[in-house]
Structures are given as structure tokens and as C-alpha cells.
Amino acid sequence: MLSWFIYTPELFPLVASLFSALPLVFSLWLMTTKEDRALLVYPSRFLSEAVALRQLQEPFTEAEARLRAEKIRMGINLR
């Protein structure tokens, strides 16, 4: 049984992936504030109406419209 554990390469990545996810999620939860977690889950709630209206009123192509929709969804405003 010991030699099987030593010579089985699939075992270590499986164990590492199973047992590292929970501490990583917990650490991320501890590093973020309640407001940051809400912003990550619901970014559209935190956009100002002026930014949303300005992005909707500007003329743009289909590709730009898709990019702007993703920016609104993710809460990205670089202006």
C-alpha cells in the first residue's frame, strides 16, 4: 500500500485541491469587508445613476455595447 501511495502521481494534486479550497475561501472572506463582498456579488447596485445613464446615452457599436454591459455588470468605471 505504501508503494502505491508513493508511485501514484494523481493522489497529491487531488488531496491538495480538495483541502486547499476551503482555507483559501475563508482567507478571502476575512480579507474583504462586508461592503466589498456586496460589491463583488452585486456590482450594479453600487453604480451611480450618472455613470449608468452616460454609458447608455453614448453611441457605440455592438462590440462596444457588449464591453460596456460587462463593465456595468462587473462595476468597472475607469473614467
Protein backbone atom coordinates (compact mmCIF):
# COMPACT_ATOMS: atom_id res chain seq x y z
CA MET A 1 0.00 0.00 0.00
CA LEU A 2 2.86 2.37 0.80
CA SER A 3 4.49 1.86 -2.59
CA TRP A 4 1.13 2.56 -4.28
CA PHE A 5 0.88 5.89 -2.43
CA ILE A 6 4.45 6.79 -3.36
CA TYR A 7 4.15 5.94 -7.05
CA THR A 8 0.65 7.31 -7.68
CA PRO A 9 1.04 10.86 -9.06
CA GLU A 10 -2.70 11.61 -9.08
CA LEU A 11 -3.08 11.43 -5.33
CA PHE A 12 -1.19 14.57 -4.26
CA PRO A 13 -2.93 17.03 -6.64
CA LEU A 14 -6.29 15.57 -5.65
CA VAL A 15 -5.64 15.96 -1.94
CA ALA A 16 -4.10 19.42 -2.38
CA SER A 17 -7.03 20.70 -4.42
CA LEU A 18 -9.63 19.30 -2.04
CA PHE A 19 -8.10 20.63 1.15
CA SER A 20 -6.77 23.99 -0.04
CA ALA A 21 -10.01 25.47 -1.41
CA LEU A 22 -11.77 25.95 1.92
CA PRO A 23 -8.90 27.79 3.66
CA LEU A 24 -8.42 29.99 0.59
CA VAL A 25 -12.10 30.95 0.50
CA PHE A 26 -12.09 31.60 4.24
CA SER A 27 -8.95 33.77 3.95
CA LEU A 28 -10.51 35.78 1.15
CA TRP A 29 -13.64 36.25 3.22
CA LEU A 30 -11.55 37.52 6.14
CA MET A 31 -9.61 39.96 3.94
CA THR A 32 -12.68 41.65 2.48
CA THR A 33 -15.15 43.90 4.23
CA LYS A 34 -18.89 43.39 4.14
CA GLU A 35 -19.23 46.24 1.64
CA ASP A 36 -16.52 44.77 -0.64
CA ARG A 37 -18.25 41.39 -0.68
CA ALA A 38 -21.55 43.07 -1.55
CA LEU A 39 -19.81 44.97 -4.36
CA LEU A 40 -18.38 41.73 -5.74
CA VAL A 41 -21.75 39.98 -5.67
CA TYR A 42 -23.97 42.91 -6.81
CA PRO A 43 -21.81 45.47 -8.68
CA SER A 44 -24.76 47.14 -10.41
CA ARG A 45 -26.20 48.30 -7.09
CA PHE A 46 -23.15 50.47 -6.46
CA LEU A 47 -23.03 52.28 -9.80
CA SER A 48 -24.14 55.86 -9.71
CA GLU A 49 -27.07 56.71 -11.93
CA ALA A 50 -24.99 59.29 -13.79
CA VAL A 51 -22.42 56.68 -14.86
CA ALA A 52 -25.12 54.27 -15.98
CA LEU A 53 -27.05 56.95 -17.92
CA ARG A 54 -23.89 58.30 -19.57
CA GLN A 55 -22.93 54.83 -20.73
CA LEU A 56 -26.40 54.22 -22.14
CA GLN A 57 -26.63 57.57 -23.99
CA GLU A 58 -23.31 57.42 -25.83
CA PRO A 59 -23.40 55.97 -29.36
CA PHE A 60 -21.45 52.72 -29.69
CA THR A 61 -21.05 49.64 -31.87
CA GLU A 62 -22.19 46.15 -30.94
CA ALA A 63 -18.74 45.21 -29.60
CA GLU A 64 -18.56 48.38 -27.51
CA ALA A 65 -22.08 47.72 -26.21
CA ARG A 66 -21.05 44.26 -25.10
CA LEU A 67 -17.93 45.62 -23.38
CA ARG A 68 -19.91 48.35 -21.66
CA ALA A 69 -22.50 45.85 -20.47
CA GLU A 70 -19.71 43.75 -18.96
CA LYS A 71 -18.19 46.85 -17.34
CA ILE A 72 -21.55 47.67 -15.77
CA ARG A 73 -22.02 44.08 -14.65
CA MET A 74 -18.58 43.97 -13.03
CA GLY A 75 -18.72 47.51 -11.65
CA ILE A 76 -15.70 48.78 -13.59
CA ASN A 77 -15.55 52.54 -14.13
CA LEU A 78 -12.14 53.79 -15.26
CA ARG A 79 -13.17 57.36 -16.06
